[in-house]
Amino acid sequence: MKDQESLEEKFGDRLKRLRLKKGLTQMQLGELLRVSNVQITRYEKGIAKPSMEVIKTLSKALDVRYEDLAGNVFMSSFNLNEIDEIVERLKQLPEQDIKPLVEVMSNYVKHREVRLITSD
């Protein structure tokens, strides 16, 4: 069975596709970001992993939503045990602090579920 990363378009492939759709060369995109075209090549080939800040800048330059560009680029470094630790810490907070967080998380999960269903 394929893992989730192989089922979805890889970040570098997505970046290249969106760059070409926008009609930009690697050099032009690099100039917009004030980085070298070599760095853009590294991102597209998966040699370098951009920071969240760089992905935000890329998404603005390519005129796409951050989430559409980022995909699951950070999931490989994410440890699910972190969620359990955060939940335990959240339980110590007052209810009025937790309620908005639960609402945001719930809305995010619903949005992702709808996207997964509609992409089939």
N, C-alpha and C. Protein backbone atom coordinates (compact mmCIF):
# COMPACT_ATOMS: atom_id res chain seq x y z
N MET A 1 0.85 -1.19 0.00
CA MET A 1 0.00 0.00 0.00
C MET A 1 0.88 1.25 0.00
N LYS A 2 0.51 2.24 -0.80
CA LYS A 2 1.30 3.46 -0.90
C LYS A 2 1.08 4.32 0.33
N ASP A 3 2.14 5.06 0.74
CA ASP A 3 1.96 5.98 1.85
C ASP A 3 1.29 7.26 1.36
N GLN A 4 0.84 8.10 2.30
CA GLN A 4 0.08 9.31 1.97
C GLN A 4 0.87 10.24 1.05
N GLU A 5 2.20 10.37 1.30
CA GLU A 5 3.01 11.28 0.50
C GLU A 5 3.03 10.86 -0.97
N SER A 6 3.09 9.56 -1.23
CA SER A 6 3.14 9.11 -2.62
C SER A 6 1.78 9.21 -3.29
N LEU A 7 0.69 9.23 -2.50
CA LEU A 7 -0.64 9.38 -3.07
C LEU A 7 -0.92 10.81 -3.50
N GLU A 8 -0.26 11.76 -2.86
CA GLU A 8 -0.46 13.16 -3.18
C GLU A 8 0.72 13.68 -3.97
N GLU A 9 0.49 14.74 -4.70
CA GLU A 9 1.55 15.39 -5.45
C GLU A 9 2.60 15.91 -4.47
N LYS A 10 3.86 15.65 -4.76
CA LYS A 10 4.94 16.13 -3.89
C LYS A 10 5.07 17.64 -4.00
N PHE A 11 5.58 18.25 -2.94
CA PHE A 11 5.69 19.71 -2.89
C PHE A 11 6.44 20.26 -4.10
N GLY A 12 7.59 19.69 -4.41
CA GLY A 12 8.40 20.19 -5.53
C GLY A 12 7.67 20.14 -6.86
N ASP A 13 6.94 19.04 -7.09
CA ASP A 13 6.16 18.92 -8.32
C ASP A 13 5.04 19.96 -8.36
N ARG A 14 4.40 20.16 -7.20
CA ARG A 14 3.32 21.15 -7.12
C ARG A 14 3.87 22.55 -7.37
N LEU A 15 5.02 22.86 -6.76
CA LEU A 15 5.64 24.17 -6.94
C LEU A 15 5.96 24.40 -8.42
N LYS A 16 6.55 23.41 -9.06
CA LYS A 16 6.91 23.55 -10.48
C LYS A 16 5.66 23.74 -11.33
N ARG A 17 4.64 22.94 -11.09
CA ARG A 17 3.40 23.04 -11.86
C ARG A 17 2.78 24.43 -11.72
N LEU A 18 2.73 24.94 -10.48
CA LEU A 18 2.12 26.25 -10.24
C LEU A 18 2.98 27.38 -10.82
N ARG A 19 4.30 27.20 -10.76
CA ARG A 19 5.21 28.21 -11.34
C ARG A 19 5.01 28.28 -12.85
N LEU A 20 4.95 27.12 -13.50
CA LEU A 20 4.77 27.09 -14.94
C LEU A 20 3.39 27.63 -15.33
N LYS A 21 2.38 27.31 -14.53
CA LYS A 21 1.03 27.81 -14.79
C LYS A 21 1.00 29.33 -14.75
N LYS A 22 1.80 29.89 -13.87
CA LYS A 22 1.89 31.35 -13.73
C LYS A 22 2.77 31.95 -14.84
N GLY A 23 3.48 31.09 -15.59
CA GLY A 23 4.32 31.56 -16.69
C GLY A 23 5.65 32.11 -16.23
N LEU A 24 6.14 31.63 -15.09
CA LEU A 24 7.41 32.12 -14.55
C LEU A 24 8.53 31.11 -14.74
N THR A 25 9.72 31.62 -15.00
CA THR A 25 10.90 30.78 -14.99
C THR A 25 11.39 30.66 -13.55
N GLN A 26 12.30 29.73 -13.30
CA GLN A 26 12.89 29.62 -11.97
C GLN A 26 13.61 30.91 -11.61
N MET A 27 14.26 31.52 -12.58
CA MET A 27 14.97 32.78 -12.36
C MET A 27 14.00 33.88 -11.94
N GLN A 28 12.88 34.00 -12.64
CA GLN A 28 11.89 35.04 -12.33
C GLN A 28 11.29 34.83 -10.95
N LEU A 29 10.95 33.57 -10.62
CA LEU A 29 10.40 33.30 -9.30
C LEU A 29 11.44 33.59 -8.22
N GLY A 30 12.68 33.22 -8.47
CA GLY A 30 13.75 33.52 -7.53
C GLY A 30 13.90 35.01 -7.29
N GLU A 31 13.79 35.79 -8.35
CA GLU A 31 13.89 37.25 -8.22
C GLU A 31 12.75 37.80 -7.37
N LEU A 32 11.54 37.25 -7.55
CA LEU A 32 10.40 37.70 -6.75
C LEU A 32 10.61 37.40 -5.26
N LEU A 33 11.28 36.28 -4.99
CA LEU A 33 11.52 35.87 -3.60
C LEU A 33 12.85 36.39 -3.05
N ARG A 34 13.64 36.97 -3.95
CA ARG A 34 14.99 37.42 -3.59
C ARG A 34 15.88 36.26 -3.14
N VAL A 35 15.74 35.15 -3.88
CA VAL A 35 16.62 33.99 -3.71
C VAL A 35 17.12 33.61 -5.09
N SER A 36 18.13 32.77 -5.14
CA SER A 36 18.67 32.36 -6.43
C SER A 36 17.76 31.34 -7.10
N ASN A 37 17.88 31.26 -8.42
CA ASN A 37 17.13 30.25 -9.14
C ASN A 37 17.58 28.85 -8.73
N VAL A 38 18.81 28.73 -8.24
CA VAL A 38 19.32 27.45 -7.75
C VAL A 38 18.50 26.98 -6.56
N GLN A 39 18.13 27.92 -5.70
CA GLN A 39 17.30 27.56 -4.54
C GLN A 39 15.92 27.09 -4.98
N ILE A 40 15.35 27.73 -5.99
CA ILE A 40 14.06 27.30 -6.53
C ILE A 40 14.20 25.88 -7.08
N THR A 41 15.29 25.61 -7.78
CA THR A 41 15.55 24.26 -8.29
C THR A 41 15.60 23.25 -7.16
N ARG A 42 16.26 23.62 -6.07
CA ARG A 42 16.36 22.72 -4.91
C ARG A 42 14.97 22.40 -4.33
N TYR A 43 14.13 23.41 -4.25
CA TYR A 43 12.77 23.18 -3.76
C TYR A 43 12.01 22.24 -4.70
N GLU A 44 12.11 22.50 -5.99
CA GLU A 44 11.37 21.71 -6.96
C GLU A 44 11.85 20.26 -7.03
N LYS A 45 13.14 20.05 -6.81
CA LYS A 45 13.69 18.69 -6.85
C LYS A 45 13.60 17.98 -5.50
N GLY A 46 13.13 18.68 -4.48
CA GLY A 46 13.00 18.08 -3.16
C GLY A 46 14.31 17.98 -2.40
N ILE A 47 15.33 18.69 -2.86
CA ILE A 47 16.64 18.69 -2.19
C ILE A 47 16.59 19.57 -0.95
N ALA A 48 15.84 20.66 -1.03
CA ALA A 48 15.69 21.59 0.09
C ALA A 48 14.21 21.67 0.45
N LYS A 49 13.95 21.86 1.73
CA LYS A 49 12.58 21.98 2.24
C LYS A 49 12.38 23.43 2.70
N PRO A 50 11.47 24.16 2.07
CA PRO A 50 11.28 25.57 2.43
C PRO A 50 10.61 25.71 3.79
N SER A 51 10.91 26.82 4.44
CA SER A 51 10.25 27.12 5.71
C SER A 51 8.81 27.54 5.44
N MET A 52 8.02 27.61 6.48
CA MET A 52 6.64 28.05 6.33
C MET A 52 6.60 29.47 5.79
N GLU A 53 7.53 30.30 6.24
CA GLU A 53 7.57 31.69 5.78
C GLU A 53 7.86 31.76 4.27
N VAL A 54 8.78 30.92 3.80
CA VAL A 54 9.09 30.88 2.37
C VAL A 54 7.88 30.40 1.57
N ILE A 55 7.17 29.39 2.10
CA ILE A 55 5.98 28.90 1.41
C ILE A 55 4.91 29.99 1.34
N LYS A 56 4.78 30.80 2.39
CA LYS A 56 3.83 31.92 2.35
C LYS A 56 4.22 32.90 1.25
N THR A 57 5.51 33.21 1.15
CA THR A 57 5.99 34.13 0.13
C THR A 57 5.79 33.54 -1.27
N LEU A 58 6.09 32.24 -1.40
CA LEU A 58 5.87 31.56 -2.69
C LEU A 58 4.40 31.60 -3.09
N SER A 59 3.52 31.34 -2.14
CA SER A 59 2.09 31.30 -2.46
C SER A 59 1.60 32.67 -2.92
N LYS A 60 2.13 33.73 -2.31
CA LYS A 60 1.76 35.09 -2.75
C LYS A 60 2.28 35.36 -4.15
N ALA A 61 3.53 34.97 -4.40
CA ALA A 61 4.13 35.20 -5.72
C ALA A 61 3.40 34.42 -6.81
N LEU A 62 2.91 33.24 -6.46
CA LEU A 62 2.22 32.40 -7.43
C LEU A 62 0.71 32.62 -7.44
N ASP A 63 0.25 33.48 -6.54
CA ASP A 63 -1.16 33.82 -6.44
C ASP A 63 -2.04 32.59 -6.19
N VAL A 64 -1.60 31.77 -5.21
CA VAL A 64 -2.36 30.59 -4.80
C VAL A 64 -2.48 30.60 -3.29
N ARG A 65 -3.43 29.85 -2.77
CA ARG A 65 -3.59 29.75 -1.32
C ARG A 65 -2.40 29.00 -0.73
N TYR A 66 -1.99 29.42 0.45
CA TYR A 66 -0.89 28.78 1.16
C TYR A 66 -1.10 27.28 1.28
N GLU A 67 -2.32 26.87 1.68
CA GLU A 67 -2.62 25.45 1.89
C GLU A 67 -2.51 24.66 0.60
N ASP A 68 -2.88 25.28 -0.52
CA ASP A 68 -2.81 24.59 -1.81
C ASP A 68 -1.37 24.36 -2.24
N LEU A 69 -0.49 25.27 -1.88
CA LEU A 69 0.92 25.09 -2.21
C LEU A 69 1.61 24.17 -1.21
N ALA A 70 1.37 24.38 0.07
CA ALA A 70 2.08 23.63 1.10
C ALA A 70 1.73 22.16 1.10
N GLY A 71 0.46 21.82 0.93
CA GLY A 71 0.08 20.41 1.00
C GLY A 71 0.52 19.80 2.32
N ASN A 72 1.12 18.64 2.26
CA ASN A 72 1.60 17.96 3.46
C ASN A 72 3.11 18.05 3.60
N VAL A 73 3.69 19.15 3.16
CA VAL A 73 5.16 19.28 3.16
C VAL A 73 5.77 19.11 4.54
N PHE A 74 5.04 19.43 5.59
CA PHE A 74 5.60 19.35 6.93
C PHE A 74 5.19 18.09 7.68
N MET A 75 4.34 17.28 7.09
CA MET A 75 3.84 16.11 7.80
C MET A 75 4.92 15.08 8.11
N SER A 76 5.92 14.93 7.26
CA SER A 76 6.93 13.89 7.49
C SER A 76 7.73 14.15 8.76
N SER A 77 7.81 15.40 9.20
CA SER A 77 8.57 15.70 10.40
C SER A 77 7.66 15.83 11.63
N PHE A 78 6.40 15.53 11.46
CA PHE A 78 5.43 15.70 12.54
C PHE A 78 5.26 14.40 13.31
N ASN A 79 5.28 14.49 14.61
CA ASN A 79 5.13 13.33 15.47
C ASN A 79 3.74 13.38 16.10
N LEU A 80 2.93 12.34 15.86
CA LEU A 80 1.56 12.34 16.38
C LEU A 80 1.50 12.37 17.90
N ASN A 81 2.55 11.93 18.57
CA ASN A 81 2.58 12.02 20.03
C ASN A 81 2.52 13.47 20.50
N GLU A 82 2.95 14.37 19.65
CA GLU A 82 2.89 15.79 20.00
C GLU A 82 1.44 16.22 20.25
N ILE A 83 0.52 15.66 19.49
CA ILE A 83 -0.90 16.01 19.67
C ILE A 83 -1.35 15.62 21.07
N ASP A 84 -0.99 14.41 21.49
CA ASP A 84 -1.38 13.96 22.83
C ASP A 84 -0.81 14.88 23.90
N GLU A 85 0.44 15.28 23.73
CA GLU A 85 1.07 16.17 24.71
C GLU A 85 0.36 17.53 24.75
N ILE A 86 0.02 18.04 23.58
CA ILE A 86 -0.66 19.33 23.52
C ILE A 86 -2.05 19.24 24.14
N VAL A 87 -2.76 18.15 23.86
CA VAL A 87 -4.10 17.96 24.44
C VAL A 87 -4.01 17.94 25.96
N GLU A 88 -3.03 17.27 26.51
CA GLU A 88 -2.87 17.22 27.97
C GLU A 88 -2.63 18.62 28.53
N ARG A 89 -1.84 19.42 27.82
CA ARG A 89 -1.59 20.79 28.28
C ARG A 89 -2.84 21.64 28.14
N LEU A 90 -3.60 21.41 27.05
CA LEU A 90 -4.85 22.16 26.85
C LEU A 90 -5.85 21.89 27.96
N LYS A 91 -5.87 20.68 28.46
CA LYS A 91 -6.81 20.31 29.52
C LYS A 91 -6.60 21.14 30.78
N GLN A 92 -5.45 21.71 30.92
CA GLN A 92 -5.14 22.52 32.10
C GLN A 92 -5.61 23.96 31.95
N LEU A 93 -6.00 24.35 30.75
CA LEU A 93 -6.44 25.72 30.51
C LEU A 93 -7.91 25.90 30.86
N PRO A 94 -8.32 27.14 31.12
CA PRO A 94 -9.74 27.41 31.37
C PRO A 94 -10.57 27.13 30.11
N GLU A 95 -11.82 26.75 30.31
CA GLU A 95 -12.70 26.37 29.20
C GLU A 95 -12.82 27.47 28.16
N GLN A 96 -12.88 28.73 28.58
CA GLN A 96 -13.02 29.83 27.62
C GLN A 96 -11.81 29.94 26.69
N ASP A 97 -10.65 29.43 27.11
CA ASP A 97 -9.46 29.42 26.25
C ASP A 97 -9.48 28.23 25.29
N ILE A 98 -10.08 27.15 25.71
CA ILE A 98 -10.09 25.92 24.90
C ILE A 98 -11.16 25.98 23.81
N LYS A 99 -12.30 26.56 24.12
CA LYS A 99 -13.45 26.55 23.20
C LYS A 99 -13.10 27.07 21.80
N PRO A 100 -12.45 28.23 21.65
CA PRO A 100 -12.13 28.70 20.29
C PRO A 100 -11.15 27.78 19.56
N LEU A 101 -10.24 27.17 20.30
CA LEU A 101 -9.29 26.25 19.68
C LEU A 101 -9.99 25.01 19.13
N VAL A 102 -10.93 24.48 19.90
CA VAL A 102 -11.69 23.32 19.46
C VAL A 102 -12.50 23.66 18.20
N GLU A 103 -13.07 24.86 18.16
CA GLU A 103 -13.84 25.29 17.00
C GLU A 103 -12.95 25.38 15.76
N VAL A 104 -11.79 25.97 15.90
CA VAL A 104 -10.86 26.10 14.77
C VAL A 104 -10.43 24.72 14.27
N MET A 105 -10.05 23.84 15.19
CA MET A 105 -9.61 22.49 14.81
C MET A 105 -10.74 21.73 14.13
N SER A 106 -11.93 21.83 14.67
CA SER A 106 -13.09 21.14 14.10
C SER A 106 -13.37 21.63 12.68
N ASN A 107 -13.33 22.93 12.48
CA ASN A 107 -13.56 23.50 11.15
C ASN A 107 -12.48 23.06 10.17
N TYR A 108 -11.25 23.02 10.62
CA TYR A 108 -10.14 22.58 9.76
C TYR A 108 -10.34 21.13 9.32
N VAL A 109 -10.66 20.26 10.27
CA VAL A 109 -10.85 18.84 9.94
C VAL A 109 -12.02 18.67 8.98
N LYS A 110 -13.11 19.39 9.21
CA LYS A 110 -14.27 19.31 8.31
C LYS A 110 -13.88 19.74 6.90
N HIS A 111 -13.12 20.83 6.80
CA HIS A 111 -12.68 21.35 5.50
C HIS A 111 -11.81 20.31 4.78
N ARG A 112 -10.89 19.69 5.50
CA ARG A 112 -10.01 18.67 4.90
C ARG A 112 -10.82 17.44 4.47
N GLU A 113 -11.78 17.04 5.27
CA GLU A 113 -12.60 15.88 4.93
C GLU A 113 -13.39 16.14 3.65
N VAL A 114 -13.93 17.34 3.52
CA VAL A 114 -14.69 17.71 2.32
C VAL A 114 -13.78 17.70 1.11
N ARG A 115 -12.57 18.23 1.25
CA ARG A 115 -11.62 18.24 0.14
C ARG A 115 -11.23 16.83 -0.26
N LEU A 116 -11.07 15.94 0.72
CA LEU A 116 -10.71 14.55 0.41
C LEU A 116 -11.85 13.84 -0.33
N ILE A 117 -13.07 14.09 0.11
CA ILE A 117 -14.24 13.46 -0.50
C ILE A 117 -14.44 13.96 -1.93
N THR A 118 -14.32 15.27 -2.12
CA THR A 118 -14.57 15.85 -3.43
C THR A 118 -13.43 15.58 -4.42
N SER A 119 -12.25 15.22 -3.92
CA SER A 119 -11.14 14.93 -4.84
C SER A 119 -11.17 13.51 -5.36
N ASP A 120 -12.04 12.66 -4.82
CA ASP A 120 -12.14 11.27 -5.29
C ASP A 120 -12.85 11.16 -6.59
